[in-house]
């Protein structure tokens, strides 16, 4: 039980610390509102499940052992974050529940599926997440007990904390946007988040195991 609380403490610190998923939740909350931002949270959660399962099956260990595979993931992840950062930087700040007009015509709202896929891709293209699950989970697995039960317990605890973290960030940024009004806040958040994602992308490319 003590070991489990230690694990939860580590995962909580990881979940709430600034990272691509956190900044994406903040940006989505301010730009699209909590309702749509939650689909990004679900995308991130799906990515966590995939990476954690891959870790349990030993796939992530194989990736870490292969310098070519790990390098490919670094480059792919870094390029995606840089692309996403540029895309966010250039996007116009807006809060979608408010009717938007461009050249006299309503603007097209972003789909929930698009936001979900973005959250999913940000998660699975982060090589640090692969290292995290591969290095952390085995430390709290007792070989003398059922692996599946322990793995599901650890994963469930991590997922709950992650969802609470991302949802909280999205909710706070959404409320702050509504309180301050206008599109200026979303525009500044887009600029800041875009710059952060570009920095994260460059840092990931230099990340060593």
Foldseek 3Di string as FASTA:
>chain_A
DVLLVVLLVVLLCVLQDDDLLQLLLLLCLQAANLVLSLLLLLLLLVLLVVLLVCLVVCNLVVCLVDPVSLLVLLLVLLVVLLVVLVVLLPDFFHHPVPFDDDPRHTDDDDDSVVSSNVSNSNNNSQNVSNVCSNPPLVVSADPVDDRVVSSVVSSVSSSVSNSVNSSVSSNVSNVVDVVVDDRVSSNVSSNVSSVVSNVNSVVSSVDDD
